[in-house]
Amino acid sequence: MDKVAVADAQVAMREIFPETPLQLNEHLSRRYGAEIWLKREDLSPVRSYKIRGAFNFMRKAVETHGRDRVFVCASAGNHAQGFAFVCRHFEVRGVVFMPVTTPQQKIDKTRMFGGAFIQIRLVGDIFDQCYAAAREHVETTGAMMVPPFDDADIIEGQATVAAEVMDQLPSGSVPDLVILPVGGGGLASGATGFLKDVVEPQNFLFVEPEGAPSLKTSLLAGEPVTLPKVDNFVDGAAVARIGTLNFERLKGFPPEQVKLIEENAICVTITEMLNLEGVVLEPAGALSIRALEELGPDYLAGKTVVCVVSGGNFDFERLPDVKERAMRFSGLKKYFILRLPQRPGALRDFLDMLGPDDDVARFEYLKKSARNFGSILIGIETTAPENFAGLFQRFEAAGLGYEDITENEILANLII
């Protein structure tokens, strides 16, 4: 990594936004007995670090080709917004390809950032179809593609995150642990490349969502691997294939330094940071903070830890789903299929089994035509996970037929 080039990019970037803050978080520091520093990329103009790579790429392209070139990107999220912002800054024309299924909020924000300098084209139901259309447009028109992560200038731009961290830490302080979220690998390859002379290789931790382990799978295989499917819940990091150049720069790290985080666990962190700190995080932006909980205070005690908070583009229409997932992960909400006898008073008998802190959150007859028994879907919320142990004992003592379907992925997706 050319640190002079990164420094040049860092200086140039001040044309459009000040450095994002590096904040010592007192709440997390007390919880883990460590110094927990949050690099707040959610406070950039587009609420993610993606503006950095797009700016650096386009800065160099404009210097080389002038402002008459048309630029193209394919994205349904943060890259599109960073691209649009930079197109307006340089006053160059840009075309943003987004899937038809992109939420209107993201389309509106991209249009707001780019203004009259961009066009938005909605193509395909999934990203792969959208990306193919963008590639075809580039090939037929001679426009220039601005890739989201697999490019040296993009990586160099993302490395400015690490450069700022070293400028902002107290004098003489060096991180004992740097936690980096990973999607396509642009941020991770840029940050590790910049910090390699000051942070030992074993002191980096990479974090991916469990449903999109592109880096870990590729490190295990020794080459980039295309995942057959990904869980798109953590949309900012749900990438099916790590970038080729990014993998080349990360392939020396052992797979054990990649931690996979369950999607529902991320929701716990999103709700906690919102409720306790007033910080709005998107799922990918919560990855590095959630890793702290997975590591635990015994491991973190006394360490200086930097967590890169990669983004805060959270659509509040998703909040009910996030709360639901968080409660299920924390053991505070469960769903059951019950077989209740078809007789007067059966429902009252069941309700009498509930404890003082148990609440019925959902109740629905699934089948009530049977002569002797009826099947019911019921959701129960409580205030402490251990309350369910007592409830199960009362179910069994009463001979009540039930099945806990909370973790049954197929049934949960169908009926919850």
Protein backbone atom coordinates (compact mmCIF):
# COMPACT_ATOMS: atom_id res chain seq x y z
CA MET A 1 0.00 0.00 0.00
CA ASP A 2 1.44 3.35 -1.10
CA LYS A 3 0.97 5.54 1.98
CA VAL A 4 1.85 8.69 0.06
CA ALA A 5 -0.96 7.99 -2.40
CA VAL A 6 -3.36 7.33 0.48
CA ALA A 7 -2.30 10.60 2.10
CA ASP A 8 -2.93 12.43 -1.18
CA ALA A 9 -6.39 10.87 -1.38
CA GLN A 10 -7.04 11.83 2.23
CA VAL A 11 -6.16 15.48 1.58
CA ALA A 12 -8.22 15.60 -1.63
CA MET A 13 -11.20 14.10 0.15
CA ARG A 14 -11.46 17.12 2.42
CA GLU A 15 -12.93 18.94 -0.58
CA ILE A 16 -16.23 17.18 0.03
CA PHE A 17 -16.36 16.16 3.71
CA PRO A 18 -14.38 16.41 6.94
CA GLU A 19 -12.83 13.35 8.52
CA THR A 20 -15.35 11.14 10.28
CA PRO A 21 -14.92 11.03 14.07
CA LEU A 22 -13.12 8.33 16.03
CA GLN A 23 -15.07 8.17 19.28
CA LEU A 24 -14.20 6.45 22.54
CA ASN A 25 -17.46 4.77 23.51
CA GLU A 26 -17.85 4.81 27.29
CA HIS A 27 -20.74 2.34 27.40
CA LEU A 28 -18.92 -0.35 25.42
CA SER A 29 -15.60 0.38 27.15
CA ARG A 30 -17.16 -0.21 30.58
CA ARG A 31 -18.94 -3.36 29.41
CA TYR A 32 -15.77 -5.01 28.14
CA GLY A 33 -13.14 -3.42 30.37
CA ALA A 34 -11.31 -2.06 27.35
CA GLU A 35 -10.86 1.11 25.31
CA ILE A 36 -13.44 0.69 22.54
CA TRP A 37 -13.03 3.25 19.77
CA LEU A 38 -15.71 3.55 17.08
CA LYS A 39 -14.71 4.89 13.67
CA ARG A 40 -18.01 6.50 12.71
CA GLU A 41 -18.31 6.05 8.95
CA ASP A 42 -22.06 6.28 9.46
CA LEU A 43 -21.46 10.05 9.83
CA SER A 44 -20.10 10.62 6.33
CA PRO A 45 -22.30 12.69 3.96
CA VAL A 46 -23.84 9.49 2.56
CA ARG A 47 -23.77 7.64 5.91
CA SER A 48 -21.19 5.06 4.79
CA TYR A 49 -17.52 4.78 3.87
CA LYS A 50 -18.36 3.99 0.23
CA ILE A 51 -18.03 7.64 -0.73
CA ARG A 52 -14.27 7.36 -0.18
CA GLY A 53 -13.56 4.76 -2.85
CA ALA A 54 -15.92 6.35 -5.36
CA PHE A 55 -14.31 9.75 -4.82
CA ASN A 56 -10.76 8.46 -5.23
CA PHE A 57 -11.62 6.49 -8.37
CA MET A 58 -13.45 9.36 -10.02
CA ARG A 59 -10.87 11.96 -8.96
CA LYS A 60 -8.20 10.07 -10.88
CA ALA A 61 -10.48 9.33 -13.83
CA VAL A 62 -11.40 13.00 -14.23
CA GLU A 63 -7.73 13.99 -14.09
CA THR A 64 -6.96 11.47 -16.84
CA HIS A 65 -10.03 11.63 -19.08
CA GLY A 66 -11.65 14.97 -18.29
CA ARG A 67 -15.28 15.56 -17.41
CA ASP A 68 -16.88 14.38 -20.66
CA ARG A 69 -16.73 10.68 -19.76
CA VAL A 70 -19.96 9.06 -18.53
CA PHE A 71 -19.59 6.94 -15.39
CA VAL A 72 -21.68 3.90 -14.45
CA CYS A 73 -22.30 1.92 -11.30
CA ALA A 74 -24.52 -0.99 -10.32
CA SER A 75 -25.72 -0.93 -6.73
CA ALA A 76 -28.85 -1.04 -4.60
CA GLY A 77 -27.31 0.73 -1.63
CA ASN A 78 -24.32 2.57 -0.25
CA HIS A 79 -22.10 2.44 -3.33
CA ALA A 80 -24.86 4.02 -5.44
CA GLN A 81 -25.26 6.87 -2.97
CA GLY A 82 -21.53 7.55 -2.75
CA PHE A 83 -21.24 7.38 -6.54
CA ALA A 84 -24.12 9.83 -7.00
CA PHE A 85 -22.68 12.30 -4.48
CA VAL A 86 -19.30 12.27 -6.22
CA CYS A 87 -20.84 12.66 -9.70
CA ARG A 88 -22.49 15.86 -8.52
CA HIS A 89 -19.25 17.09 -6.92
CA PHE A 90 -17.21 16.63 -10.10
CA GLU A 91 -20.15 17.68 -12.30
CA VAL A 92 -19.89 14.57 -14.45
CA ARG A 93 -22.69 12.46 -15.85
CA GLY A 94 -23.44 9.16 -14.17
CA VAL A 95 -25.85 6.27 -14.70
CA VAL A 96 -26.90 4.21 -11.69
CA PHE A 97 -28.31 0.74 -12.35
CA MET A 98 -30.46 -0.54 -9.49
CA PRO A 99 -32.69 -3.63 -9.23
CA VAL A 100 -36.42 -3.02 -9.67
CA THR A 101 -36.87 -4.38 -6.14
CA THR A 102 -34.74 -1.61 -4.57
CA PRO A 103 -36.67 0.15 -1.75
CA GLN A 104 -37.98 3.55 -2.80
CA GLN A 105 -36.12 5.20 0.08
CA LYS A 106 -32.76 4.17 -1.40
CA ILE A 107 -33.77 5.30 -4.89
CA ASP A 108 -34.87 8.68 -3.55
CA LYS A 109 -31.66 9.19 -1.56
CA THR A 110 -29.49 8.30 -4.55
CA ARG A 111 -31.42 10.76 -6.72
CA MET A 112 -31.11 13.44 -4.01
CA PHE A 113 -27.32 13.05 -3.80
CA GLY A 114 -26.76 13.02 -7.56
CA GLY A 115 -29.33 15.59 -8.64
CA ALA A 116 -29.30 16.47 -12.32
CA PHE A 117 -25.97 14.72 -12.89
CA ILE A 118 -27.27 11.16 -12.66
CA GLN A 119 -29.84 8.91 -14.26
CA ILE A 120 -31.31 5.95 -12.39
CA ARG A 121 -32.26 2.85 -14.35
CA LEU A 122 -34.21 0.10 -12.63
CA VAL A 123 -33.36 -3.24 -14.23
CA GLY A 124 -33.93 -6.83 -13.08
CA ASP A 125 -35.26 -8.34 -9.89
CA ILE A 126 -31.85 -9.22 -8.40
CA PHE A 127 -28.43 -7.57 -8.34
CA ASP A 128 -26.84 -10.00 -10.82
CA GLN A 129 -29.35 -9.00 -13.52
CA CYS A 130 -28.81 -5.34 -12.70
CA TYR A 131 -25.03 -5.70 -12.87
CA ALA A 132 -25.22 -7.51 -16.22
CA ALA A 133 -27.27 -4.62 -17.63
CA ALA A 134 -24.70 -2.12 -16.35
CA ARG A 135 -21.87 -4.09 -17.97
CA GLU A 136 -23.75 -4.23 -21.27
CA HIS A 137 -24.28 -0.46 -21.11
CA VAL A 138 -20.55 0.08 -20.55
CA GLU A 139 -19.61 -2.16 -23.47
CA THR A 140 -22.03 -0.56 -25.92
CA THR A 141 -21.52 3.10 -24.97
CA GLY A 142 -17.89 3.32 -23.86
CA ALA A 143 -18.88 4.60 -20.42
CA MET A 144 -16.60 3.87 -17.45
CA MET A 145 -17.67 1.44 -14.73
CA VAL A 146 -16.98 2.49 -11.14
CA PRO A 147 -16.71 -0.85 -9.31
CA PRO A 148 -17.87 -1.14 -5.70
CA PHE A 149 -14.72 -2.83 -4.31
CA ASP A 150 -12.58 -4.79 -6.80
CA ASP A 151 -10.25 -2.01 -7.96
CA ALA A 152 -6.93 -0.55 -6.76
CA ASP A 153 -8.19 3.05 -6.68
CA ILE A 154 -11.31 2.02 -4.76
CA ILE A 155 -9.15 0.14 -2.23
CA GLU A 156 -6.84 3.14 -1.92
CA GLY A 157 -9.81 5.37 -1.19
CA GLN A 158 -11.13 3.02 1.49
CA ALA A 159 -7.65 2.94 3.08
CA THR A 160 -8.17 6.56 4.12
CA VAL A 161 -10.38 5.20 6.91
CA ALA A 162 -7.29 3.62 8.48
CA ALA A 163 -5.17 6.71 7.82
CA GLU A 164 -7.65 8.85 9.74
CA VAL A 165 -7.76 6.34 12.61
CA MET A 166 -4.01 6.62 13.12
CA ASP A 167 -4.21 10.43 13.01
CA GLN A 168 -7.07 10.48 15.53
CA LEU A 169 -5.85 8.00 18.16
CA PRO A 170 -4.06 9.55 21.15
CA SER A 171 -0.38 10.17 20.46
CA GLY A 172 1.64 6.96 20.70
CA SER A 173 -1.43 4.73 20.88
CA VAL A 174 -1.55 1.67 18.62
CA PRO A 175 -4.63 -0.58 18.40
CA ASP A 176 -4.36 -4.01 19.99
CA LEU A 177 -7.26 -5.10 17.81
CA VAL A 178 -8.83 -3.67 14.65
CA ILE A 179 -12.26 -5.08 13.76
CA LEU A 180 -13.29 -4.72 10.12
CA PRO A 181 -16.62 -5.65 8.54
CA VAL A 182 -16.28 -7.46 5.21
CA GLY A 183 -18.51 -7.53 2.14
CA GLY A 184 -16.56 -7.39 -1.10
CA GLY A 185 -13.30 -6.71 0.74
CA GLY A 186 -12.47 -3.13 -0.32
CA LEU A 187 -12.38 -1.70 3.20
CA ALA A 188 -10.59 -4.72 4.68
CA SER A 189 -7.87 -4.88 2.03
CA GLY A 190 -7.35 -1.10 2.17
CA ALA A 191 -7.19 -0.87 5.96
CA THR A 192 -4.91 -3.88 6.44
CA GLY A 193 -2.60 -2.68 3.70
CA PHE A 194 -2.24 0.75 5.27
CA LEU A 195 -1.82 -0.52 8.84
CA LYS A 196 0.49 -3.46 8.17
CA ASP A 197 3.54 -1.63 9.51
CA VAL A 198 1.91 -0.69 12.84
CA VAL A 199 -0.62 -3.46 13.55
CA GLU A 200 0.49 -7.09 13.72
CA PRO A 201 -1.36 -9.38 11.26
CA GLN A 202 -2.92 -11.42 14.09
CA ASN A 203 -4.45 -8.24 15.55
CA PHE A 204 -6.96 -7.82 12.73
CA LEU A 205 -10.38 -9.41 13.01
CA PHE A 206 -12.67 -9.64 9.99
CA VAL A 207 -16.41 -9.93 10.51
CA GLU A 208 -18.95 -11.31 8.04
CA PRO A 209 -22.64 -12.17 8.31
CA GLU A 210 -23.23 -15.88 8.74
CA GLY A 211 -25.38 -15.92 5.61
CA ALA A 212 -22.69 -14.41 3.36
CA PRO A 213 -19.24 -15.75 4.34
CA SER A 214 -17.46 -14.85 1.10
CA LEU A 215 -14.04 -14.13 2.65
CA LYS A 216 -13.97 -17.05 5.08
CA THR A 217 -15.10 -19.54 2.43
CA SER A 218 -12.48 -18.25 0.00
CA LEU A 219 -9.68 -18.37 2.60
CA LEU A 220 -10.61 -21.98 3.41
CA ALA A 221 -10.53 -22.84 -0.30
CA GLY A 222 -7.35 -20.88 -1.02
CA GLU A 223 -9.03 -19.00 -3.89
CA PRO A 224 -12.06 -16.77 -4.48
CA VAL A 225 -15.27 -18.78 -4.26
CA THR A 226 -18.72 -17.78 -5.48
CA LEU A 227 -21.28 -18.64 -2.81
CA PRO A 228 -24.29 -20.56 -4.20
CA LYS A 229 -26.65 -18.36 -2.19
CA VAL A 230 -26.50 -15.51 0.31
CA ASP A 231 -28.80 -14.17 2.99
CA ASN A 232 -29.48 -10.57 1.95
CA PHE A 233 -30.57 -9.35 5.40
CA VAL A 234 -27.17 -7.70 6.00
CA ASP A 235 -27.45 -6.04 2.60
CA GLY A 236 -24.33 -3.90 2.97
CA ALA A 237 -22.14 -7.01 3.35
CA ALA A 238 -24.14 -9.71 1.54
CA VAL A 239 -21.67 -10.38 -1.28
CA ALA A 240 -21.54 -13.74 -3.05
CA ARG A 241 -17.89 -13.43 -4.15
CA ILE A 242 -14.99 -11.54 -2.62
CA GLY A 243 -13.23 -9.23 -5.06
CA THR A 244 -10.34 -10.84 -6.93
CA LEU A 245 -7.85 -8.09 -6.12
CA ASN A 246 -9.19 -7.85 -2.59
CA PHE A 247 -8.65 -11.57 -2.03
CA GLU A 248 -5.07 -11.28 -3.30
CA ARG A 249 -4.42 -8.73 -0.56
CA LEU A 250 -6.20 -10.71 2.16
CA LYS A 251 -5.23 -14.30 1.31
CA GLY A 252 -2.36 -14.32 3.82
CA PHE A 253 -4.76 -14.16 6.77
CA PRO A 254 -5.92 -17.45 8.32
CA PRO A 255 -9.64 -18.33 8.12
CA GLU A 256 -9.74 -18.32 11.93
CA GLN A 257 -9.42 -14.52 11.87
CA VAL A 258 -12.80 -14.25 10.17
CA LYS A 259 -15.72 -14.31 12.60
CA LEU A 260 -19.20 -15.10 11.31
CA ILE A 261 -22.09 -13.35 13.06
CA GLU A 262 -25.65 -14.65 13.01
CA GLU A 263 -28.06 -12.20 11.40
CA ASN A 264 -30.43 -12.19 14.40
CA ALA A 265 -27.52 -11.41 16.74
CA ILE A 266 -26.75 -8.31 14.69
CA CYS A 267 -30.32 -7.15 15.35
CA VAL A 268 -29.65 -7.19 19.10
CA THR A 269 -26.76 -4.78 18.57
CA ILE A 270 -28.82 -2.51 16.29
CA THR A 271 -31.57 -2.16 18.90
CA GLU A 272 -29.13 -1.71 21.80
CA MET A 273 -27.13 1.00 20.04
CA LEU A 274 -30.34 2.79 19.06
CA ASN A 275 -31.92 2.58 22.51
CA LEU A 276 -28.83 3.17 24.66
CA GLU A 277 -26.59 5.36 22.50
CA GLY A 278 -29.00 6.95 20.02
CA VAL A 279 -26.83 5.61 17.18
CA VAL A 280 -28.64 4.45 14.04
CA LEU A 281 -26.81 1.56 12.38
CA GLU A 282 -27.56 -0.52 9.32
CA PRO A 283 -26.98 -4.28 9.76
CA ALA A 284 -23.53 -4.15 8.12
CA GLY A 285 -22.64 -1.16 10.28
CA ALA A 286 -23.34 -3.17 13.43
CA LEU A 287 -21.10 -6.11 12.51
CA SER A 288 -17.90 -4.89 14.16
CA ILE A 289 -19.66 -3.89 17.39
CA ARG A 290 -21.47 -7.22 17.60
CA ALA A 291 -18.10 -8.97 17.33
CA LEU A 292 -17.22 -7.50 20.74
CA GLU A 293 -20.00 -9.51 22.36
CA GLU A 294 -18.83 -12.65 20.60
CA LEU A 295 -15.26 -12.12 21.84
CA GLY A 296 -16.31 -11.31 25.41
CA PRO A 297 -14.75 -9.25 28.24
CA ASP A 298 -12.20 -11.91 29.20
CA TYR A 299 -10.55 -11.59 25.79
CA LEU A 300 -10.96 -7.82 25.40
CA ALA A 301 -10.01 -6.62 28.89
CA GLY A 302 -7.29 -3.98 28.83
CA LYS A 303 -7.07 -3.80 25.04
CA THR A 304 -7.30 -0.78 22.76
CA VAL A 305 -9.87 -1.80 20.15
CA VAL A 306 -10.93 0.03 16.99
CA CYS A 307 -14.27 -0.98 15.46
CA VAL A 308 -15.03 0.41 12.02
CA VAL A 309 -18.72 1.29 11.94
CA SER A 310 -19.21 1.02 8.20
CA GLY A 311 -22.64 2.57 7.70
CA GLY A 312 -25.93 3.88 9.04
CA ASN A 313 -28.32 3.72 6.09
CA PHE A 314 -31.11 2.04 8.00
CA ASP A 315 -34.64 2.00 6.63
CA PHE A 316 -36.92 2.36 9.66
CA GLU A 317 -39.58 0.31 7.90
CA ARG A 318 -37.32 -2.62 8.81
CA LEU A 319 -37.42 -1.83 12.53
CA PRO A 320 -40.29 -4.24 13.41
CA ASP A 321 -38.39 -7.09 11.73
CA VAL A 322 -35.17 -6.13 13.51
CA LYS A 323 -36.93 -6.04 16.89
CA GLU A 324 -38.56 -9.40 16.18
CA ARG A 325 -35.24 -11.01 15.25
CA ALA A 326 -33.50 -9.49 18.28
CA MET A 327 -36.12 -10.82 20.72
CA ARG A 328 -35.98 -14.29 19.20
CA PHE A 329 -32.18 -14.37 19.38
CA SER A 330 -32.23 -13.15 23.00
CA GLY A 331 -34.70 -15.87 23.98
CA LEU A 332 -37.43 -13.37 24.84
CA LYS A 333 -39.92 -14.45 22.18
CA LYS A 334 -40.96 -17.87 20.97
CA TYR A 335 -43.53 -19.32 18.63
CA PHE A 336 -45.41 -22.55 19.18
CA ILE A 337 -47.89 -24.80 17.44
CA LEU A 338 -50.36 -25.95 20.11
CA ARG A 339 -52.95 -28.75 20.00
CA LEU A 340 -55.84 -27.56 22.13
CA PRO A 341 -58.88 -29.74 22.86
CA GLN A 342 -62.07 -28.49 21.21
CA ARG A 343 -64.07 -27.95 24.41
CA PRO A 344 -65.35 -24.93 26.33
CA GLY A 345 -62.75 -23.49 28.71
CA ALA A 346 -59.70 -25.01 26.95
CA LEU A 347 -58.31 -21.62 25.95
CA ARG A 348 -58.83 -20.25 29.48
CA ASP A 349 -56.96 -23.24 30.92
CA PHE A 350 -54.07 -22.51 28.57
CA LEU A 351 -53.96 -18.81 29.49
CA ASP A 352 -53.81 -19.74 33.17
CA MET A 353 -50.49 -21.49 32.46
CA LEU A 354 -48.81 -18.23 31.46
CA GLY A 355 -46.59 -16.55 34.02
CA PRO A 356 -46.95 -12.95 35.26
CA ASP A 357 -44.31 -11.71 32.77
CA ASP A 358 -45.56 -13.70 29.76
CA ASP A 359 -47.57 -11.97 27.06
CA VAL A 360 -49.41 -13.37 24.04
CA ALA A 361 -48.04 -11.52 20.99
CA ARG A 362 -49.81 -13.58 18.34
CA PHE A 363 -52.73 -15.99 18.31
CA GLU A 364 -54.10 -17.66 15.20
CA TYR A 365 -56.15 -20.80 14.52
CA LEU A 366 -54.40 -22.87 11.89
CA LYS A 367 -56.93 -25.68 11.85
CA LYS A 368 -60.21 -25.72 13.75
CA SER A 369 -62.22 -28.24 11.76
CA ALA A 370 -60.91 -31.27 13.65
CA ARG A 371 -63.50 -32.87 15.88
CA ASN A 372 -61.47 -33.26 19.06
CA PHE A 373 -58.45 -30.95 18.75
CA GLY A 374 -57.53 -27.70 17.05
CA SER A 375 -54.08 -26.43 15.98
CA ILE A 376 -53.07 -22.93 17.04
CA LEU A 377 -50.09 -20.72 16.20
CA ILE A 378 -49.15 -18.67 19.24
CA GLY A 379 -46.32 -16.21 19.87
CA ILE A 380 -45.29 -15.48 23.45
CA GLU A 381 -43.04 -12.65 24.67
CA THR A 382 -41.50 -12.57 28.13
CA THR A 383 -39.04 -10.47 30.11
CA ALA A 384 -36.34 -13.11 30.79
CA PRO A 385 -35.33 -16.21 28.79
CA GLU A 386 -35.55 -18.48 31.85
CA ASN A 387 -39.29 -17.84 32.08
CA PHE A 388 -39.82 -20.26 29.21
CA ALA A 389 -38.38 -23.18 31.22
CA GLY A 390 -41.20 -22.86 33.75
CA LEU A 391 -43.76 -22.49 30.97
CA PHE A 392 -42.56 -25.71 29.31
CA GLN A 393 -42.88 -27.54 32.62
CA ARG A 394 -46.48 -26.37 32.98
CA PHE A 395 -47.24 -27.40 29.38
CA GLU A 396 -45.90 -30.89 30.00
CA ALA A 397 -47.60 -31.27 33.40
CA ALA A 398 -50.92 -30.48 31.71
CA GLY A 399 -50.24 -32.96 28.90
CA LEU A 400 -50.46 -30.16 26.34
CA GLY A 401 -49.22 -31.06 22.87
CA TYR A 402 -46.90 -28.35 21.53
CA GLU A 403 -43.98 -27.78 19.18
CA ASP A 404 -41.50 -24.92 19.47
CA ILE A 405 -41.03 -23.64 15.89
CA THR A 406 -38.98 -20.52 16.74
CA GLU A 407 -35.80 -21.91 15.15
CA ASN A 408 -37.54 -23.92 12.43
CA GLU A 409 -36.42 -21.83 9.47
CA ILE A 410 -38.87 -23.26 6.94
CA LEU A 411 -41.96 -22.93 9.15
CA ALA A 412 -40.89 -19.59 10.53
CA ASN A 413 -40.47 -18.12 7.04
CA LEU A 414 -43.83 -19.47 5.95
CA ILE A 415 -46.07 -18.51 8.83
CA ILE A 416 -44.20 -16.05 11.09
